[in-house]
Amino acid sequence: MKPGNTFIKHTIILLLLSYAFIFHGLGDYSLKEPDEGRYAEIPREMVVSGDLTVPRLNDVRYFEKPPLLYWAVAFSYKLFGISEWSFRFPNALAAFLCVFCLFFFARRWIDERAAFLASLILLSSFGFFGMARIVTTDMVFAFWLFLALLCFYGHYREKKGAFLYGFYAAMALATLTKGPVAPVLLCGTIFIFLLTERNVSFIRHMKPLRGALLYLAIAAPWFVIISIREKEFFDFFFVDQHFLRFISTKHKRSGPLYYFIPVLLGGMLPWSLFIPRAAAASFRRPDCRFFLIWSALVFVFFSVSGSKLPPYILPVFPALALPLGILFHETWESRFQRCWEIVAYGLIMAIFALSCLLYFSSDFMAYIADISMDAPSITLDLRYFSLWISFTSAVCLVLFIFRTFRNPKRLFTILLLFSLSTIIAIMAHSGVVDRVNTAKKLALAVSKVKVPPDFIVNYSGLDLTIPFYLGKPVIIASYKGELAMGAKYDDAREIFMEKDDFLRLLGSEKKVLFVTKSKKIEELEAMFPGRIRIYICQNDRCLLANY
């Protein structure tokens, strides 16, 4: 096949797969607590208020993140209307751009097939697929970081000014997405890479003064404006949310040093077992070494951090897909030497194949029942999904037994088809996903209450999807959580209520509709016998009223 035809074929395949696995059905399932509720509601309030400078969550100042994701979602709301689909579209677009930036840049520098294989690996990694469809700041952050890496390496390789200024612009946009960790990681990676190249003097060719001015021109204005408008911002954002979050465990997101090892192995399945082989085989290549240094630095940086969450290492996924794609490309028609990965994959597939037997375990079902009130029914609704995973895993296990299926070409095909079939099965169960970890049903039930309430209250908790689906803030009683900083402002006092004040309100003649944890119901019924009415429950949260 001619090179031009091959490129067109690969592009069409990636476009079709990207649509199917990144964009299709984005609005078919509810927002997930707490991240999607948070990142959907802040832009909605920006659109309603017209204030794009000060982020507000439930009408309370919220300074934990810079605004670029909020702005992107607000723009999407303006274009397409406020919905779950328009909320997730910018995040999905960032994932799509990660895939195609990897494809086009790898094709430019390495090889058509290597670029195509790397893009397929990224697109079919379970963690990347999940983060493309569940919104946090991490996918948009990963895109800008990856684009900055590609632009730097493009300038290092080709000495073109467009790449250089693209690097500084992408780094600035990454800073506007998640803060100053972006230049720390990027500049650290570049310095280490240049050391390995014995070419530290290349920094002079990066026009650092012009670059710094471009970076500041893009990234600094919002930080300056909000620091002037909001006196609490600088200390809270830079000291509490970045410096103290890194060096301490005050945010209660700590974990052991090995925390991200299972995250990486699980997130890059079914390809992760080949990461050591790919790293060893390609470290001598400058292009791969650069991205491997990046991956190692990000992994170590967040491993030693006092705050850990699984999405933090998402920026290594596109970078690791490149050496993995090159590994399969260079061994496509040959064999892996001492392929211990086959044994490991065999064990994993055997475990997956036997997983459906858990449904026959009374201990397992009892454990599921303890998770939440909806967990048993959700688990039962996933039984066909479990059977499908067991079946496809068993097929893979049988194929691995035969030597003819162990060459890289056939092994890649088997793993890709296993991944794609699993993703299709997940998407086929969007109705089940819709019910998990959300308060959507409770919020929608509020609009169906025949007698409108005087107050809508979230008691002893903060369910962030409720304000989005209600389209307005709610009163928060006996809880502050991540809104504690914003609660200090005078104009936030009417949003918050102490427990005693809420109980007095509940005992008054005022009509109160409220959401709380199901375990709180017995206590409230004992305090107000005959007055507490239960409307509906979902995910251990219930909608109740005192009238």
Protein backbone atom coordinates (compact mmCIF):
# COMPACT_ATOMS: atom_id res chain seq x y z
CA MET A 1 0.00 0.00 0.00
CA LYS A 2 1.28 3.47 -0.89
CA PRO A 3 2.43 5.69 2.04
CA GLY A 4 -0.32 8.23 1.40
CA ASN A 5 -2.99 5.53 1.42
CA THR A 6 -1.56 4.05 4.62
CA PHE A 7 -1.72 7.42 6.32
CA ILE A 8 -5.33 7.93 5.25
CA LYS A 9 -6.26 4.44 6.44
CA HIS A 10 -4.60 4.93 9.83
CA THR A 11 -6.19 8.36 10.26
CA ILE A 12 -9.68 7.03 9.47
CA ILE A 13 -9.26 4.11 11.90
CA LEU A 14 -8.11 6.42 14.70
CA LEU A 15 -10.94 8.86 13.98
CA LEU A 16 -13.54 6.09 14.12
CA LEU A 17 -12.13 4.56 17.29
CA SER A 18 -11.79 7.98 18.91
CA TYR A 19 -15.40 8.79 18.17
CA ALA A 20 -16.58 5.41 19.44
CA PHE A 21 -14.56 5.32 22.65
CA ILE A 22 -14.06 9.00 23.53
CA PHE A 23 -17.04 10.99 22.21
CA HIS A 24 -19.92 8.56 21.72
CA GLY A 25 -22.49 8.54 24.53
CA LEU A 26 -20.80 11.23 26.66
CA GLY A 27 -24.18 12.41 27.87
CA ASP A 28 -25.67 8.97 28.51
CA TYR A 29 -24.67 8.75 32.18
CA SER A 30 -24.95 10.98 35.21
CA LEU A 31 -22.29 13.23 36.71
CA LYS A 32 -20.10 11.43 39.23
CA GLU A 33 -19.40 12.57 42.78
CA PRO A 34 -17.46 14.54 43.71
CA ASP A 35 -15.21 15.64 40.83
CA GLU A 36 -17.72 15.87 38.01
CA GLY A 37 -20.25 17.65 40.21
CA ARG A 38 -17.60 20.20 41.16
CA TYR A 39 -16.18 20.80 37.69
CA ALA A 40 -19.63 21.00 36.09
CA GLU A 41 -21.15 23.38 38.64
CA ILE A 42 -18.36 25.97 38.77
CA PRO A 43 -18.58 26.75 35.01
CA ARG A 44 -22.39 26.74 35.21
CA GLU A 45 -22.20 29.43 37.89
CA MET A 46 -19.70 31.37 35.76
CA VAL A 47 -22.15 31.34 32.86
CA VAL A 48 -25.04 32.42 35.08
CA SER A 49 -23.13 35.17 36.92
CA GLY A 50 -20.93 36.33 34.04
CA ASP A 51 -17.92 36.39 36.40
CA LEU A 52 -15.10 34.40 34.75
CA THR A 53 -12.47 35.52 37.24
CA VAL A 54 -13.58 34.16 40.62
CA PRO A 55 -14.58 30.48 40.61
CA ARG A 56 -17.58 29.73 42.81
CA LEU A 57 -18.96 26.37 43.86
CA ASN A 58 -22.48 26.40 45.29
CA ASP A 59 -22.11 30.21 45.27
CA VAL A 60 -19.04 29.97 47.54
CA ARG A 61 -15.54 31.06 46.49
CA TYR A 62 -13.45 28.09 45.40
CA PHE A 63 -9.72 28.62 44.84
CA GLU A 64 -8.27 25.11 44.66
CA LYS A 65 -7.65 25.10 40.89
CA PRO A 66 -6.87 27.65 38.15
CA PRO A 67 -9.69 28.43 35.73
CA LEU A 68 -8.78 27.02 32.30
CA LEU A 69 -10.97 23.90 32.58
CA TYR A 70 -13.81 26.05 33.94
CA TRP A 71 -13.46 28.46 31.01
CA ALA A 72 -13.42 25.62 28.48
CA VAL A 73 -16.57 24.06 29.97
CA ALA A 74 -18.29 27.45 30.24
CA PHE A 75 -17.55 28.05 26.54
CA SER A 76 -18.97 24.60 25.75
CA TYR A 77 -22.11 25.46 27.74
CA LYS A 78 -22.48 28.65 25.71
CA LEU A 79 -22.12 26.75 22.44
CA PHE A 80 -24.16 23.63 23.16
CA GLY A 81 -26.26 24.45 26.23
CA ILE A 82 -25.80 23.17 29.76
CA SER A 83 -25.82 19.38 29.81
CA GLU A 84 -23.74 16.37 30.76
CA TRP A 85 -22.54 16.04 27.16
CA SER A 86 -21.42 19.66 26.81
CA PHE A 87 -19.71 19.42 30.21
CA ARG A 88 -17.65 16.39 29.18
CA PHE A 89 -16.87 17.56 25.65
CA PRO A 90 -13.73 19.66 26.47
CA ASN A 91 -12.26 16.77 28.47
CA ALA A 92 -12.97 14.33 25.65
CA LEU A 93 -11.48 16.76 23.14
CA ALA A 94 -8.27 16.90 25.20
CA ALA A 95 -8.07 13.08 25.14
CA PHE A 96 -8.66 13.07 21.38
CA LEU A 97 -5.90 15.64 20.87
CA CYS A 98 -3.51 13.55 22.97
CA VAL A 99 -4.06 10.61 20.64
CA PHE A 100 -3.64 12.61 17.45
CA CYS A 101 -0.69 14.68 18.65
CA LEU A 102 1.04 11.41 19.48
CA PHE A 103 0.17 10.04 16.03
CA PHE A 104 1.27 13.05 13.98
CA PHE A 105 4.45 13.84 15.88
CA ALA A 106 5.57 10.20 16.08
CA ARG A 107 4.84 9.81 12.36
CA ARG A 108 6.93 12.91 11.64
CA TRP A 109 9.95 11.74 13.63
CA ILE A 110 9.86 7.95 13.73
CA ASP A 111 7.65 5.85 11.49
CA GLU A 112 4.08 5.59 10.24
CA ARG A 113 3.43 2.17 11.77
CA ALA A 114 5.12 3.01 15.08
CA ALA A 115 2.96 6.13 15.35
CA PHE A 116 -0.20 4.17 14.59
CA LEU A 117 0.60 1.43 17.10
CA ALA A 118 1.48 3.96 19.81
CA SER A 119 -1.80 5.79 19.23
CA LEU A 120 -3.78 2.54 19.43
CA ILE A 121 -2.01 1.65 22.67
CA LEU A 122 -2.89 5.00 24.22
CA LEU A 123 -6.48 4.94 23.00
CA SER A 124 -7.07 1.38 24.27
CA SER A 125 -5.43 1.74 27.70
CA PHE A 126 -8.14 1.27 30.32
CA GLY A 127 -7.06 4.20 32.47
CA PHE A 128 -6.86 6.62 29.55
CA PHE A 129 -10.30 5.52 28.34
CA GLY A 130 -11.77 6.03 31.81
CA MET A 131 -10.25 9.48 32.29
CA ALA A 132 -11.42 10.53 28.81
CA ARG A 133 -15.01 9.97 29.93
CA ILE A 134 -14.91 11.06 33.59
CA VAL A 135 -13.94 14.70 34.05
CA THR A 136 -11.20 15.94 36.34
CA THR A 137 -8.56 18.56 35.57
CA ASP A 138 -6.04 15.82 34.80
CA MET A 139 -6.86 15.03 31.16
CA VAL A 140 -6.71 18.65 30.04
CA PHE A 141 -3.54 19.07 32.13
CA ALA A 142 -2.03 15.93 30.53
CA PHE A 143 -2.75 17.26 27.05
CA TRP A 144 -1.04 20.61 27.58
CA LEU A 145 1.93 18.93 29.23
CA PHE A 146 2.24 16.40 26.40
CA LEU A 147 1.97 19.15 23.79
CA ALA A 148 4.70 21.10 25.61
CA LEU A 149 6.93 18.01 25.60
CA LEU A 150 6.36 17.45 21.89
CA CYS A 151 7.04 21.09 21.09
CA PHE A 152 10.27 21.11 23.08
CA TYR A 153 11.53 17.97 21.40
CA GLY A 154 10.48 19.36 18.02
CA HIS A 155 12.57 22.45 18.67
CA TYR A 156 15.48 20.35 19.96
CA ARG A 157 15.36 18.18 16.86
CA GLU A 158 14.44 20.69 14.14
CA LYS A 159 15.41 24.10 15.65
CA LYS A 160 12.13 25.69 14.55
CA GLY A 161 10.81 28.75 16.36
CA ALA A 162 7.19 27.63 16.09
CA PHE A 163 7.97 24.62 18.25
CA LEU A 164 9.82 26.75 20.79
CA TYR A 165 7.01 29.24 21.27
CA GLY A 166 4.51 26.40 21.22
CA PHE A 167 6.39 24.92 24.18
CA TYR A 168 6.13 28.09 26.26
CA ALA A 169 2.48 28.62 25.34
CA ALA A 170 1.52 25.02 26.18
CA MET A 171 3.40 25.23 29.50
CA ALA A 172 1.48 28.42 30.34
CA LEU A 173 -1.85 26.77 29.51
CA ALA A 174 -0.89 23.77 31.64
CA THR A 175 -0.21 26.22 34.49
CA LEU A 176 -3.65 27.74 33.98
CA THR A 177 -5.10 24.24 34.20
CA LYS A 178 -3.47 22.96 37.39
CA GLY A 179 -0.91 25.41 38.67
CA PRO A 180 2.87 25.85 39.02
CA VAL A 181 3.59 22.12 39.09
CA ALA A 182 3.61 22.32 35.27
CA PRO A 183 6.84 24.35 34.83
CA VAL A 184 8.48 22.42 37.69
CA LEU A 185 7.97 19.07 35.96
CA LEU A 186 8.63 20.29 32.43
CA CYS A 187 11.79 22.25 33.21
CA GLY A 188 13.08 19.46 35.43
CA THR A 189 12.61 16.92 32.64
CA ILE A 190 14.32 19.12 30.06
CA PHE A 191 17.32 19.75 32.32
CA ILE A 192 17.79 16.04 33.08
CA PHE A 193 17.41 15.16 29.39
CA LEU A 194 20.00 17.75 28.34
CA LEU A 195 22.36 16.36 30.97
CA THR A 196 22.04 12.90 29.44
CA GLU A 197 22.66 14.46 26.03
CA ARG A 198 25.67 16.41 27.38
CA ASN A 199 24.09 19.45 25.82
CA VAL A 200 23.02 21.69 28.70
CA SER A 201 24.17 24.67 26.66
CA PHE A 202 21.10 24.10 24.46
CA ILE A 203 19.17 26.09 27.06
CA ARG A 204 20.60 29.23 25.44
CA HIS A 205 18.88 28.24 22.17
CA MET A 206 15.53 28.18 23.98
CA LYS A 207 15.47 31.99 24.21
CA PRO A 208 14.61 31.87 27.91
CA LEU A 209 13.89 35.61 28.26
CA ARG A 210 11.44 35.74 25.35
CA GLY A 211 9.97 32.44 26.47
CA ALA A 212 9.48 33.66 30.01
CA LEU A 213 7.73 36.78 28.74
CA LEU A 214 5.39 34.70 26.56
CA TYR A 215 4.73 32.31 29.43
CA LEU A 216 3.91 35.15 31.82
CA ALA A 217 1.80 36.97 29.24
CA ILE A 218 -0.47 33.92 29.03
CA ALA A 219 -0.35 32.48 32.55
CA ALA A 220 0.12 35.50 34.84
CA PRO A 221 -2.87 37.85 34.18
CA TRP A 222 -5.50 35.69 35.89
CA PHE A 223 -3.26 35.03 38.91
CA VAL A 224 -2.52 38.74 39.26
CA ILE A 225 -6.15 39.85 38.86
CA ILE A 226 -7.59 37.32 41.31
CA SER A 227 -4.82 37.99 43.85
CA ILE A 228 -5.78 41.67 43.79
CA ARG A 229 -9.52 40.97 44.00
CA GLU A 230 -9.33 38.19 46.59
CA LYS A 231 -6.81 38.71 49.39
CA GLU A 232 -7.06 35.10 50.60
CA PHE A 233 -6.20 33.62 47.22
CA PHE A 234 -2.39 33.79 47.14
CA ASP A 235 -1.78 32.11 50.48
CA PHE A 236 -4.50 29.49 49.99
CA PHE A 237 -3.64 28.58 46.40
CA PHE A 238 0.15 28.63 46.40
CA VAL A 239 0.94 27.74 50.01
CA ASP A 240 -1.93 25.52 51.16
CA GLN A 241 -2.96 23.86 47.89
CA HIS A 242 0.49 23.36 46.38
CA PHE A 243 3.40 23.62 48.81
CA LEU A 244 1.70 22.13 51.87
CA ARG A 245 -0.17 19.57 49.78
CA PHE A 246 3.17 18.30 48.47
CA ILE A 247 5.15 18.22 51.73
CA SER A 248 2.41 17.19 54.17
CA THR A 249 -0.60 14.89 54.53
CA LYS A 250 -2.98 17.59 55.81
CA HIS A 251 -5.35 16.98 52.88
CA LYS A 252 -5.73 13.31 53.87
CA ARG A 253 -4.74 11.96 50.46
CA SER A 254 -1.55 10.22 51.49
CA GLY A 255 -0.35 6.79 50.42
CA PRO A 256 2.75 4.58 50.47
CA LEU A 257 5.69 5.15 48.14
CA TYR A 258 4.48 2.31 45.91
CA TYR A 259 0.98 3.86 45.63
CA PHE A 260 1.27 4.58 41.90
CA ILE A 261 2.76 1.22 40.88
CA PRO A 262 -0.62 -0.59 40.81
CA VAL A 263 -2.22 2.58 39.43
CA LEU A 264 0.18 2.58 36.48
CA LEU A 265 -0.05 -1.16 35.91
CA GLY A 266 -3.83 -1.14 36.03
CA GLY A 267 -4.28 2.14 34.16
CA MET A 268 -2.15 1.09 31.19
CA LEU A 269 -3.58 -2.41 30.95
CA PRO A 270 -3.48 -4.37 28.76
CA TRP A 271 -0.09 -2.91 27.75
CA SER A 272 1.57 -2.12 31.07
CA LEU A 273 3.50 -5.37 31.44
CA PHE A 274 5.58 -4.40 28.41
CA ILE A 275 6.70 -1.06 29.91
CA PRO A 276 9.98 -2.44 31.39
CA ARG A 277 10.90 -4.14 28.10
CA ALA A 278 10.01 -1.04 26.07
CA ALA A 279 12.00 1.23 28.39
CA ALA A 280 15.07 -0.99 28.28
CA ALA A 281 14.90 -1.40 24.50
CA SER A 282 14.44 2.25 23.63
CA PHE A 283 16.30 4.25 26.30
CA ARG A 284 19.26 4.80 23.97
CA ARG A 285 17.01 6.58 21.48
CA PRO A 286 16.92 10.34 22.30
CA ASP A 287 13.22 10.62 21.44
CA CYS A 288 12.21 7.75 23.71
CA ARG A 289 14.71 8.66 26.42
CA PHE A 290 13.19 12.12 26.69
CA PHE A 291 9.70 10.74 27.26
CA LEU A 292 10.96 8.02 29.60
CA ILE A 293 12.74 10.66 31.71
CA TRP A 294 9.48 12.61 31.81
CA SER A 295 7.54 9.52 32.90
CA ALA A 296 10.06 8.66 35.61
CA LEU A 297 10.16 12.22 36.97
CA VAL A 298 6.36 12.53 37.12
CA PHE A 299 6.09 9.10 38.74
CA VAL A 300 8.72 9.85 41.39
CA PHE A 301 7.47 13.40 42.02
CA PHE A 302 3.95 12.31 42.88
CA SER A 303 5.14 9.17 44.69
CA VAL A 304 7.04 11.28 47.24
CA SER A 305 4.24 13.85 47.45
CA GLY A 306 2.14 13.92 50.60
CA SER A 307 -1.02 14.04 48.47
CA LYS A 308 -1.83 11.17 46.11
CA LEU A 309 -4.78 10.41 43.84
CA PRO A 310 -4.80 7.91 40.93
CA PRO A 311 -5.29 10.52 38.12
CA TYR A 312 -2.12 12.38 39.10
CA ILE A 313 0.06 10.21 36.87
CA LEU A 314 -2.19 10.44 33.81
CA PRO A 315 0.44 12.69 32.09
CA VAL A 316 2.77 9.68 31.75
CA PHE A 317 0.28 7.68 29.67
CA PRO A 318 0.83 9.42 26.29
CA ALA A 319 4.59 9.52 26.94
CA LEU A 320 4.81 5.78 27.68
CA ALA A 321 2.65 4.88 24.70
CA LEU A 322 5.48 6.04 22.41
CA PRO A 323 8.19 3.54 23.49
CA LEU A 324 5.54 0.83 23.67
CA GLY A 325 4.53 1.54 20.07
CA ILE A 326 8.17 1.54 18.97
CA LEU A 327 8.76 -1.77 20.76
CA PHE A 328 5.99 -3.53 18.82
CA HIS A 329 6.98 -1.78 15.60
CA GLU A 330 10.61 -2.90 15.76
CA THR A 331 9.72 -6.51 16.67
CA TRP A 332 6.60 -6.75 14.47
CA GLU A 333 7.84 -9.60 12.27
CA SER A 334 10.18 -11.25 14.81
CA ARG A 335 9.85 -12.67 18.34
CA PHE A 336 10.35 -11.38 21.86
CA GLN A 337 13.32 -12.97 23.60
CA ARG A 338 12.42 -14.63 26.92
CA CYS A 339 8.90 -13.29 26.89
CA TRP A 340 8.10 -13.49 30.61
CA GLU A 341 5.17 -11.18 29.94
CA ILE A 342 3.25 -14.13 28.44
CA VAL A 343 3.34 -15.92 31.81
CA ALA A 344 2.18 -12.77 33.60
CA TYR A 345 -0.60 -12.18 31.08
CA GLY A 346 -1.63 -15.80 31.45
CA LEU A 347 -2.03 -15.37 35.20
CA ILE A 348 -3.98 -12.13 34.76
CA MET A 349 -6.29 -13.66 32.16
CA ALA A 350 -6.82 -16.70 34.37
CA ILE A 351 -7.89 -14.45 37.25
CA PHE A 352 -10.24 -12.52 34.95
CA ALA A 353 -11.63 -15.76 33.56
CA LEU A 354 -12.49 -17.02 37.04
CA SER A 355 -13.84 -13.69 38.29
CA CYS A 356 -17.44 -14.52 37.34
CA LEU A 357 -17.38 -17.24 40.04
CA LEU A 358 -17.45 -14.49 42.67
CA TYR A 359 -21.18 -14.25 42.08
CA PHE A 360 -21.49 -17.67 43.73
CA SER A 361 -19.59 -16.54 46.84
CA SER A 362 -21.80 -15.55 49.76
CA ASP A 363 -18.87 -13.72 51.38
CA PHE A 364 -18.33 -11.62 48.26
CA MET A 365 -22.00 -10.72 47.98
CA ALA A 366 -22.08 -9.84 51.69
CA TYR A 367 -19.08 -7.56 51.14
CA ILE A 368 -20.89 -5.89 48.22
CA ALA A 369 -23.98 -5.37 50.36
CA ASP A 370 -21.88 -3.45 52.90
CA ILE A 371 -20.67 -0.93 50.29
CA SER A 372 -23.97 0.85 49.72
CA MET A 373 -27.67 0.17 49.45
CA ASP A 374 -27.50 0.18 45.65
CA ALA A 375 -24.35 -1.95 45.34
CA PRO A 376 -26.07 -5.40 45.29
CA SER A 377 -28.47 -4.46 42.47
CA ILE A 378 -25.69 -2.78 40.48
CA THR A 379 -23.49 -5.85 40.92
CA LEU A 380 -26.27 -8.13 39.69
CA ASP A 381 -26.85 -5.89 36.68
CA LEU A 382 -23.16 -6.29 35.80
CA ARG A 383 -23.32 -10.10 35.68
CA TYR A 384 -23.39 -10.23 31.88
CA PHE A 385 -20.45 -7.84 31.77
CA SER A 386 -18.61 -10.16 34.15
CA LEU A 387 -19.44 -13.17 32.00
CA TRP A 388 -18.15 -11.37 28.91
CA ILE A 389 -14.87 -10.47 30.60
CA SER A 390 -14.48 -14.05 31.80
CA PHE A 391 -15.18 -15.41 28.32
CA THR A 392 -12.80 -13.07 26.46
CA SER A 393 -10.10 -13.64 29.09
CA ALA A 394 -10.46 -17.40 28.73
CA VAL A 395 -10.11 -17.06 24.95
CA CYS A 396 -6.92 -15.00 25.38
CA LEU A 397 -5.57 -17.54 27.86
CA VAL A 398 -6.12 -20.40 25.40
CA LEU A 399 -4.47 -18.46 22.57
CA PHE A 400 -1.42 -17.71 24.73
CA ILE A 401 -0.83 -21.45 25.10
CA PHE A 402 -0.04 -21.77 21.39
CA ARG A 403 3.41 -20.59 20.37
CA THR A 404 2.11 -19.23 17.05
CA PHE A 405 0.16 -16.52 18.91
CA ARG A 406 3.16 -15.31 20.92
CA ASN A 407 4.88 -13.25 18.23
CA PRO A 408 4.55 -9.46 18.71
CA LYS A 409 2.18 -8.94 15.78
CA ARG A 410 -0.38 -11.49 16.96
CA LEU A 411 0.12 -10.65 20.62
CA PHE A 412 -0.58 -6.98 19.88
CA THR A 413 -3.74 -7.95 18.00
CA ILE A 414 -4.97 -10.17 20.84
CA LEU A 415 -4.39 -7.52 23.51
CA LEU A 416 -5.93 -4.78 21.38
CA LEU A 417 -9.06 -6.81 20.67
CA PHE A 418 -9.34 -7.76 24.35
CA SER A 419 -9.13 -4.10 25.35
CA LEU A 420 -11.57 -2.89 22.70
CA SER A 421 -14.09 -5.64 23.54
CA THR A 422 -13.86 -4.73 27.24
CA ILE A 423 -14.41 -1.04 26.48
CA ILE A 424 -17.41 -1.87 24.28
CA ALA A 425 -18.86 -3.98 27.11
CA ILE A 426 -18.41 -1.08 29.55
CA MET A 427 -20.14 1.32 27.20
CA ALA A 428 -22.97 -1.16 26.65
CA HIS A 429 -23.67 -0.92 30.39
CA SER A 430 -24.00 2.87 30.46
CA GLY A 431 -27.36 2.47 32.15
CA VAL A 432 -25.63 0.82 35.10
CA VAL A 433 -22.86 3.41 35.11
CA ASP A 434 -25.58 6.08 35.21
CA ARG A 435 -26.70 4.89 38.66
CA VAL A 436 -23.26 4.74 40.28
CA ASN A 437 -21.87 7.45 42.58
CA THR A 438 -24.33 10.23 41.83
CA ALA A 439 -27.19 12.15 43.41
CA LYS A 440 -28.92 12.89 40.11
CA LYS A 441 -32.09 10.97 40.98
CA LEU A 442 -32.44 12.89 44.24
CA ALA A 443 -32.02 16.26 42.53
CA LEU A 444 -34.52 15.42 39.79
CA ALA A 445 -37.01 14.26 42.44
CA VAL A 446 -36.96 17.74 43.98
CA SER A 447 -38.65 19.18 40.88
CA LYS A 448 -41.43 16.60 41.20
CA VAL A 449 -42.39 17.54 44.75
CA LYS A 450 -45.93 18.89 44.58
CA VAL A 451 -45.57 21.44 47.38
CA PRO A 452 -42.43 23.61 46.84
CA PRO A 453 -40.13 23.80 49.88
CA ASP A 454 -39.03 26.96 51.65
CA PHE A 455 -35.49 25.58 51.99
CA ILE A 456 -33.43 22.94 50.18
CA VAL A 457 -30.63 21.68 52.41
CA ASN A 458 -27.70 19.30 52.08
CA TYR A 459 -27.31 18.02 55.65
CA SER A 460 -24.08 16.58 57.08
CA GLY A 461 -22.44 16.23 53.69
CA LEU A 462 -21.75 17.86 50.36
CA ASP A 463 -23.24 16.19 47.30
CA LEU A 464 -21.78 18.28 44.51
CA THR A 465 -23.99 16.97 41.72
CA ILE A 466 -27.13 18.36 43.40
CA PRO A 467 -26.58 22.10 42.68
CA PHE A 468 -25.82 21.30 39.03
CA TYR A 469 -29.00 19.29 38.47
CA LEU A 470 -31.09 21.76 40.48
CA GLY A 471 -29.55 24.67 38.61
CA LYS A 472 -29.07 26.65 41.84
CA PRO A 473 -27.12 26.54 45.12
CA VAL A 474 -28.39 24.70 48.19
CA ILE A 475 -27.94 25.40 51.89
CA ILE A 476 -25.24 23.25 53.50
CA ALA A 477 -25.88 22.26 57.10
CA SER A 478 -23.36 20.85 59.58
CA TYR A 479 -20.61 20.53 56.96
CA LYS A 480 -18.03 22.63 55.14
CA GLY A 481 -15.45 20.22 53.69
CA GLU A 482 -13.63 21.66 50.67
CA LEU A 483 -15.68 24.86 50.94
CA ALA A 484 -14.17 25.72 54.35
CA MET A 485 -11.98 28.49 52.94
CA GLY A 486 -14.83 30.10 50.98
CA ALA A 487 -17.10 29.81 54.00
CA LYS A 488 -14.98 32.44 55.78
CA TYR A 489 -16.34 35.21 53.55
CA ASP A 490 -19.29 37.23 54.83
CA ASP A 491 -21.35 36.73 51.69
CA ALA A 492 -21.18 32.94 52.17
CA ARG A 493 -22.85 32.95 55.59
CA GLU A 494 -26.34 32.45 54.16
CA ILE A 495 -25.14 29.25 52.41
CA PHE A 496 -24.00 27.52 55.61
CA MET A 497 -25.93 26.44 58.68
CA GLU A 498 -24.80 24.88 61.93
CA LYS A 499 -26.34 21.60 63.05
CA ASP A 500 -28.42 23.14 65.86
CA ASP A 501 -29.79 25.78 63.49
CA PHE A 502 -30.77 23.09 61.01
CA LEU A 503 -32.51 21.02 63.67
CA ARG A 504 -34.46 24.09 64.83
CA LEU A 505 -35.45 24.78 61.21
CA LEU A 506 -36.52 21.17 60.80
CA GLY A 507 -38.75 21.44 63.87
CA SER A 508 -40.33 24.69 62.73
CA GLU A 509 -43.29 25.28 60.45
CA LYS A 510 -41.00 26.00 57.51
CA LYS A 511 -41.09 23.47 54.67
CA VAL A 512 -37.65 21.85 54.44
CA LEU A 513 -36.54 19.45 51.72
CA PHE A 514 -33.14 17.97 52.48
CA VAL A 515 -30.61 15.38 51.38
CA THR A 516 -28.59 13.41 53.89
CA LYS A 517 -26.91 10.05 54.45
CA SER A 518 -29.29 7.16 55.01
CA LYS A 519 -27.64 6.37 58.35
CA LYS A 520 -28.83 9.75 59.66
CA ILE A 521 -32.51 8.95 59.13
CA GLU A 522 -33.06 6.91 62.29
CA GLU A 523 -31.64 9.68 64.47
CA LEU A 524 -33.79 12.34 62.82
CA GLU A 525 -36.96 10.23 63.03
CA ALA A 526 -36.34 9.78 66.75
CA MET A 527 -35.94 13.54 67.21
CA PHE A 528 -38.98 14.45 65.09
CA PRO A 529 -41.42 11.50 65.34
CA GLY A 530 -43.98 11.43 62.55
CA ARG A 531 -42.55 14.47 60.74
CA ILE A 532 -39.77 13.00 58.59
CA ARG A 533 -40.94 11.84 55.18
CA ILE A 534 -38.65 9.83 52.89
CA TYR A 535 -39.10 10.54 49.18
CA ILE A 536 -36.34 8.55 47.50
CA CYS A 537 -32.87 7.10 48.18
CA GLN A 538 -29.82 6.61 45.96
CA ASN A 539 -26.25 5.56 46.76
CA ASP A 540 -26.78 5.78 50.55
CA ARG A 541 -28.21 9.29 50.20
CA CYS A 542 -31.89 10.04 50.73
CA LEU A 543 -34.23 12.92 49.89
CA LEU A 544 -36.42 13.74 52.88
CA ALA A 545 -38.84 16.43 54.00
CA ASN A 546 -40.44 17.65 57.22
CA TYR A 547 -43.82 18.18 55.59
